[in-house]
Protein backbone atom coordinates (compact mmCIF):
# COMPACT_ATOMS: atom_id res chain seq x y z
CA MET A 1 -33.48 -10.06 26.40
CA LEU A 2 -32.19 -8.50 29.63
CA GLN A 3 -29.56 -5.80 29.07
CA THR A 4 -27.52 -4.01 31.72
CA PRO A 5 -24.77 -1.33 31.57
CA TYR A 6 -22.69 -2.75 34.44
CA LEU A 7 -21.54 -5.96 36.11
CA HIS A 8 -21.60 -5.78 39.91
CA THR A 9 -20.30 -8.18 42.54
CA LYS A 10 -23.93 -8.96 43.44
CA SER A 11 -25.12 -9.54 39.86
CA ASN A 12 -24.27 -12.31 37.41
CA LEU A 13 -24.76 -13.07 33.75
CA VAL A 14 -26.32 -16.52 33.78
CA SER A 15 -27.81 -17.10 30.33
CA PRO A 16 -27.54 -16.13 26.62
CA LEU A 17 -30.53 -13.84 27.20
CA GLU A 18 -28.59 -11.57 29.58
CA THR A 19 -25.99 -9.17 28.18
CA ILE A 20 -23.97 -6.07 29.09
CA VAL A 21 -24.26 -3.18 26.61
CA SER A 22 -21.95 -0.18 26.17
CA PRO A 23 -23.44 3.32 26.78
CA LEU A 24 -24.11 4.13 23.10
CA GLU A 25 -25.01 0.51 22.31
CA THR A 26 -21.92 0.06 20.14
CA PHE A 27 -20.80 -3.22 21.74
CA GLU A 28 -22.46 -6.04 23.64
CA LEU A 29 -20.96 -8.62 26.02
CA GLY A 30 -22.48 -11.99 26.84
CA PHE A 31 -22.57 -15.72 26.19
CA PHE A 32 -22.54 -16.90 22.57
CA ASN A 33 -22.16 -20.01 20.43
CA PRO A 34 -20.02 -19.64 17.25
CA GLY A 35 -21.73 -22.60 15.62
CA ASN A 36 -19.47 -25.50 16.55
CA LEU A 37 -21.64 -28.06 18.30
CA THR A 38 -22.49 -27.20 21.93
CA ASN A 39 -19.50 -25.05 22.91
CA ASN A 40 -20.34 -21.72 24.53
CA TYR A 41 -18.13 -18.72 25.27
CA VAL A 42 -18.22 -15.24 26.79
CA GLY A 43 -17.36 -12.60 24.21
CA ILE A 44 -17.82 -9.06 22.97
CA TRP A 45 -19.42 -8.24 19.62
CA TYR A 46 -20.82 -5.30 17.65
CA LYS A 47 -24.41 -4.74 18.74
CA LYS A 48 -25.74 -2.77 15.77
CA ILE A 49 -24.28 -4.95 13.00
CA SER A 50 -26.65 -7.51 11.51
CA THR A 51 -23.93 -10.13 11.09
CA ARG A 52 -22.66 -10.99 14.56
CA THR A 53 -18.97 -10.09 14.56
CA VAL A 54 -17.12 -11.17 17.69
CA VAL A 55 -14.10 -8.99 18.57
CA TRP A 56 -12.99 -10.62 21.83
CA VAL A 57 -13.42 -14.02 23.49
CA SER A 58 -12.51 -14.76 27.11
CA ASN A 59 -12.54 -18.54 27.56
CA ARG A 60 -11.14 -19.34 24.11
CA ASN A 61 -9.44 -22.59 25.10
CA THR A 62 -11.88 -23.61 27.84
CA PRO A 63 -15.40 -23.51 26.38
CA LEU A 64 -18.53 -24.35 28.32
CA THR A 65 -20.11 -27.51 26.94
CA ASP A 66 -23.69 -26.40 27.64
CA THR A 67 -25.67 -23.23 28.37
CA SER A 68 -25.30 -23.39 32.16
CA GLY A 69 -22.52 -20.81 32.32
CA GLU A 70 -22.26 -17.98 34.83
CA LEU A 71 -20.11 -14.82 34.64
CA THR A 72 -19.36 -13.18 38.00
CA LEU A 73 -17.20 -10.37 39.38
CA THR A 74 -15.59 -10.96 42.79
CA LEU A 75 -14.83 -8.41 45.49
CA GLN A 76 -11.16 -8.73 44.49
CA GLY A 77 -12.00 -7.48 40.97
CA VAL A 78 -11.60 -10.92 39.36
CA LEU A 79 -13.86 -12.00 36.49
CA ILE A 80 -14.88 -15.66 36.74
CA ILE A 81 -16.70 -17.93 34.31
CA ARG A 82 -18.17 -20.91 36.12
CA ASP A 83 -19.99 -24.02 34.98
CA ALA A 84 -23.14 -23.52 37.04
CA THR A 85 -24.06 -27.21 36.83
CA LYS A 86 -20.76 -28.61 38.09
CA GLY A 87 -19.64 -25.52 40.01
CA ASN A 88 -16.10 -25.55 38.59
CA VAL A 89 -14.30 -22.43 37.29
CA VAL A 90 -13.42 -22.68 33.58
CA TRP A 91 -11.78 -19.25 33.18
CA SER A 92 -10.76 -16.25 35.30
CA THR A 93 -8.72 -13.07 35.12
CA ALA A 94 -5.68 -12.37 37.29
CA ASN A 95 -6.17 -11.09 40.82
CA SER A 96 -6.15 -7.28 40.63
CA SER A 97 -5.38 -6.85 44.38
CA THR A 98 -8.44 -4.69 44.94
CA SER A 99 -8.67 -2.96 48.31
CA LYS A 100 -11.18 -4.56 50.69
CA SER A 101 -12.73 -1.16 51.27
CA SER A 102 -13.75 -0.75 47.64
CA VAL A 103 -16.41 -2.43 45.53
CA PRO A 104 -15.36 -3.06 41.90
CA ILE A 105 -17.73 -2.45 39.02
CA GLY A 106 -17.30 -3.78 35.47
CA GLN A 107 -18.38 -1.67 32.50
CA LEU A 108 -18.31 -2.23 28.76
CA LEU A 109 -17.10 0.91 26.96
CA ASP A 110 -17.95 2.08 23.45
CA THR A 111 -14.32 1.38 22.49
CA GLY A 112 -15.03 -2.33 22.94
CA ASN A 113 -12.97 -2.54 26.15
CA PHE A 114 -14.41 -4.08 29.30
CA VAL A 115 -12.92 -2.28 32.30
CA ILE A 116 -13.12 -2.85 36.04
CA TYR A 117 -13.22 0.34 38.08
CA ASN A 118 -11.68 0.42 41.53
CA GLN A 119 -11.58 3.93 43.04
CA GLY A 120 -9.73 5.20 39.95
CA ARG A 121 -6.57 3.12 40.49
CA ASN A 122 -4.59 2.06 37.41
CA LEU A 123 -1.77 -0.38 38.13
CA VAL A 124 1.07 -1.24 35.76
CA THR A 125 0.86 -5.02 35.48
CA GLY A 126 3.64 -5.82 33.04
CA ASN A 127 1.28 -7.97 30.96
CA GLU A 128 2.09 -8.45 27.29
CA ARG A 129 -0.83 -8.60 24.87
CA HIS A 130 -0.85 -10.35 21.50
CA LEU A 131 -3.42 -10.38 18.72
CA THR A 132 -3.96 -14.08 17.99
CA SER A 133 -5.90 -15.90 15.30
CA TRP A 134 -8.78 -18.29 15.95
CA LYS A 135 -8.04 -21.99 15.50
CA PHE A 136 -10.88 -22.38 12.99
CA GLU A 137 -13.63 -20.10 11.70
CA ASP A 138 -16.07 -21.57 14.26
CA ASP A 139 -13.52 -22.26 17.02
CA PRO A 140 -12.06 -19.26 18.93
CA ALA A 141 -9.34 -21.34 20.61
CA PHE A 142 -5.82 -19.98 20.10
CA GLY A 143 -4.63 -20.50 16.54
CA GLU A 144 -1.10 -20.72 15.18
CA PHE A 145 -0.66 -17.05 14.29
CA SER A 146 0.18 -14.07 16.54
CA TYR A 147 0.69 -10.34 15.93
CA TRP A 148 2.81 -8.70 18.61
CA ILE A 149 5.48 -6.14 19.46
CA ASP A 150 9.04 -7.41 19.59
CA THR A 151 10.74 -5.29 22.26
CA ARG A 152 14.28 -6.46 21.50
CA GLY A 153 16.25 -3.52 20.12
CA TYR A 154 13.95 -0.83 18.75
CA PRO A 155 10.40 -2.25 18.96
CA GLN A 156 8.61 -3.41 15.83
CA LEU A 157 5.45 -5.32 14.97
CA ILE A 158 5.90 -9.01 14.21
CA LEU A 159 3.55 -11.56 12.63
CA SER A 160 4.56 -15.09 13.55
CA GLU A 161 3.37 -18.65 13.10
CA GLY A 162 4.37 -20.60 16.19
CA GLY A 163 7.96 -19.49 16.73
CA GLU A 164 8.63 -18.61 13.07
CA ILE A 165 8.53 -14.98 11.90
CA LYS A 166 6.32 -14.48 8.85
CA LEU A 167 6.22 -10.69 8.60
CA ARG A 168 7.85 -7.73 10.33
CA ALA A 169 6.78 -4.12 10.03
CA GLY A 170 10.18 -2.52 10.60
CA PRO A 171 10.89 0.10 13.32
CA TRP A 172 8.72 3.17 13.93
CA ASN A 173 10.06 6.33 12.25
CA GLY A 174 7.68 8.85 13.80
CA LEU A 175 4.99 8.52 11.14
CA ARG A 176 4.72 4.81 10.41
CA PHE A 177 6.58 1.53 10.56
CA THR A 178 9.32 1.56 7.93
CA GLY A 179 8.43 -1.85 6.52
CA THR A 180 4.84 -0.84 5.71
CA PRO A 181 5.04 2.18 3.38
CA THR A 182 1.34 1.88 2.48
CA LEU A 183 0.36 2.44 6.10
CA SER A 184 0.76 6.21 6.26
CA PRO A 185 -1.39 9.00 7.79
CA ASN A 186 -4.73 9.32 5.99
CA ARG A 187 -8.23 10.73 6.44
CA PHE A 188 -9.52 7.58 8.17
CA TYR A 189 -6.93 6.86 10.86
CA ASN A 190 -4.38 8.53 13.07
CA PHE A 191 -1.59 6.45 14.55
CA THR A 192 0.21 6.50 17.89
CA PHE A 193 3.34 4.69 19.03
CA VAL A 194 4.33 4.99 22.71
CA LEU A 195 7.70 3.91 24.09
CA ASN A 196 8.64 4.87 27.64
CA GLN A 197 9.71 3.30 30.94
CA ARG A 198 6.16 2.27 31.82
CA GLU A 199 4.79 0.83 28.59
CA ILE A 200 5.19 0.09 24.90
CA TYR A 201 2.19 0.07 22.62
CA TYR A 202 0.91 0.95 19.17
CA GLN A 203 -2.63 2.02 18.44
CA TYR A 204 -4.74 3.54 15.71
CA ASN A 205 -7.90 5.60 16.15
CA LEU A 206 -10.69 6.46 13.78
CA ILE A 207 -10.91 10.12 12.81
CA ASP A 208 -14.56 9.73 11.80
CA THR A 209 -16.14 7.82 14.70
CA SER A 210 -19.28 7.11 12.66
CA LEU A 211 -17.28 4.51 10.74
CA ILE A 212 -16.87 0.95 12.03
CA THR A 213 -13.56 -0.80 11.53
CA ARG A 214 -11.63 -3.74 12.95
CA LEU A 215 -8.23 -5.36 12.59
CA VAL A 216 -8.45 -9.14 12.20
CA LEU A 217 -5.79 -11.84 12.20
CA GLN A 218 -7.44 -14.52 10.07
CA THR A 219 -7.09 -18.26 10.67
CA SER A 220 -4.87 -18.36 7.56
CA GLY A 221 -2.41 -15.86 9.08
CA ARG A 222 -3.54 -12.96 6.90
CA LEU A 223 -3.84 -9.63 8.74
CA ASP A 224 -6.80 -7.60 7.46
CA SER A 225 -8.08 -4.11 8.20
CA LEU A 226 -11.83 -4.11 7.49
CA PHE A 227 -14.59 -1.52 7.26
CA TRP A 228 -18.28 -2.23 7.71
CA ILE A 229 -20.28 -1.17 4.62
CA ASP A 230 -23.80 -0.61 5.85
CA SER A 231 -25.40 -0.43 2.39
CA LYS A 232 -24.06 -3.91 1.58
CA GLN A 233 -24.33 -5.27 5.13
CA GLU A 234 -20.84 -6.75 4.91
CA TRP A 235 -17.21 -6.21 5.88
CA SER A 236 -14.96 -4.78 3.16
CA LEU A 237 -11.17 -5.13 3.01
CA TYR A 238 -9.39 -1.79 3.34
CA TRP A 239 -5.76 -2.77 3.85
CA SER A 240 -3.48 -5.74 4.41
CA PRO A 241 0.32 -5.65 4.91
CA GLN A 242 0.79 -8.83 2.86
CA ASN A 243 0.47 -7.15 -0.53
CA ASP A 244 2.83 -9.38 -2.53
CA LEU A 245 5.14 -12.36 -2.22
CA CYS A 246 8.10 -10.24 -1.15
CA ASP A 247 6.29 -9.18 2.02
CA GLN A 248 6.93 -12.63 3.46
CA TYR A 249 9.74 -12.53 6.02
CA ALA A 250 13.07 -14.00 4.76
CA ARG A 251 11.44 -15.07 1.50
CA CYS A 252 14.79 -15.46 -0.29
CA GLY A 253 16.83 -16.67 2.68
CA PRO A 254 20.10 -15.21 4.05
CA PHE A 255 21.81 -12.68 1.72
CA GLY A 256 18.98 -13.05 -0.79
CA ASN A 257 17.11 -10.14 -2.36
CA CYS A 258 13.41 -10.24 -3.24
CA ASN A 259 12.25 -8.12 -6.18
CA ILE A 260 8.58 -8.43 -7.08
CA GLY A 261 9.30 -6.85 -10.46
CA LYS A 262 11.53 -9.73 -11.56
CA SER A 263 10.91 -13.36 -12.42
CA PRO A 264 11.98 -15.32 -10.51
CA ILE A 265 11.58 -12.90 -7.63
CA CYS A 266 14.67 -14.06 -5.68
CA GLU A 267 18.29 -13.29 -6.49
CA CYS A 268 21.54 -13.19 -4.55
CA LEU A 269 23.18 -9.96 -3.47
CA LYS A 270 26.28 -8.85 -5.35
CA GLY A 271 29.23 -11.02 -4.33
CA PHE A 272 27.00 -13.94 -3.31
CA GLU A 273 25.75 -17.12 -4.96
CA PRO A 274 23.05 -19.69 -4.07
CA THR A 275 24.00 -21.87 -1.12
CA SER A 276 22.26 -24.80 -2.81
CA PRO A 277 22.10 -24.28 -6.61
CA ASP A 278 19.91 -27.37 -7.09
CA GLN A 279 17.30 -26.19 -4.61
CA TRP A 280 17.49 -22.65 -6.00
CA LYS A 281 16.52 -23.98 -9.44
CA THR A 282 13.40 -25.58 -7.94
CA ILE A 283 12.29 -22.24 -6.43
CA ASP A 284 13.31 -23.37 -2.93
CA TRP A 285 15.14 -20.28 -1.69
CA LEU A 286 15.11 -20.91 2.07
CA GLN A 287 18.84 -21.69 2.31
CA GLY A 288 19.61 -18.34 0.70
CA CYS A 289 23.04 -17.32 -0.56
CA GLN A 290 26.68 -17.51 0.47
CA HIS A 291 29.84 -15.58 -0.38
CA THR A 292 31.13 -16.29 -3.90
CA ILE A 293 34.66 -16.13 -2.50
CA PRO A 294 34.82 -17.55 1.05
CA LEU A 295 36.00 -15.09 3.66
CA ASP A 296 39.55 -15.75 4.86
CA CYS A 297 40.47 -13.36 7.64
CA ASN A 298 44.14 -13.57 8.63
CA PRO A 299 45.30 -12.83 12.17
CA GLY A 300 45.00 -9.11 12.89
CA GLU A 301 42.36 -8.57 10.18
CA GLY A 302 38.69 -7.82 10.88
CA PHE A 303 36.02 -5.16 10.75
CA ASN A 304 36.21 -1.64 12.10
CA LYS A 305 33.22 0.03 13.76
């Protein structure tokens, strides 16, 4: 096994036996096969964990079909994965507009991030990043679920399936997102939410860096915060926002109220009744509720701000 701390423009990763390792050997980057036939990918995984746990995959939707892959870094600071047999490019990053007078170097950090240094420059790209599920357990292609920040109005975290919202965390109140009361400051994490003219992001950091944790959007759409338990050699669930049925977005439809302490859990707000009584009786609450007495606004009537 050949391990290196950097990726240079004059060096390539050309086989599963060559990897890039972070300074403290926390993470490793290289070619891997998740177990589905002959597909191969470039990814990042925990180096010191016995069960290979991949945290990032580059060519998720464009796998190599054999082991002849090659990862290179161009003088323009672009990462390229090429099929060495056919010579065609299967995946690449965006052009970073690197100065011709500089030579970029790629390094894997102990945070799990792979960065490309270019004379210390840090450009604001405007890119939007989503956490997306795998298609299947052994297929890292994009799945149906995404976890992202909705920047309309006051930003909040959204979990969606395709274009349909499944969960929203509510706006940030300075300590946590209002829709996730269980996610509050504790002895394991500290939380940061940044909103300014340059960027919007949310992050959490471990207080005790000896612990190993990850946030995973499962193929089923479940969002899990996991800790590695070394004595058991397995990942253990610490937290998930989907604690009960009422955490599902719009569970009871428009003007419906979800109460996990009642059975059935859905009821209409005061002054409203089921839009479709027959469907409501069959526990199909998607159409929600409507006004018991239809609104009849006469000319000159309305709402005051």
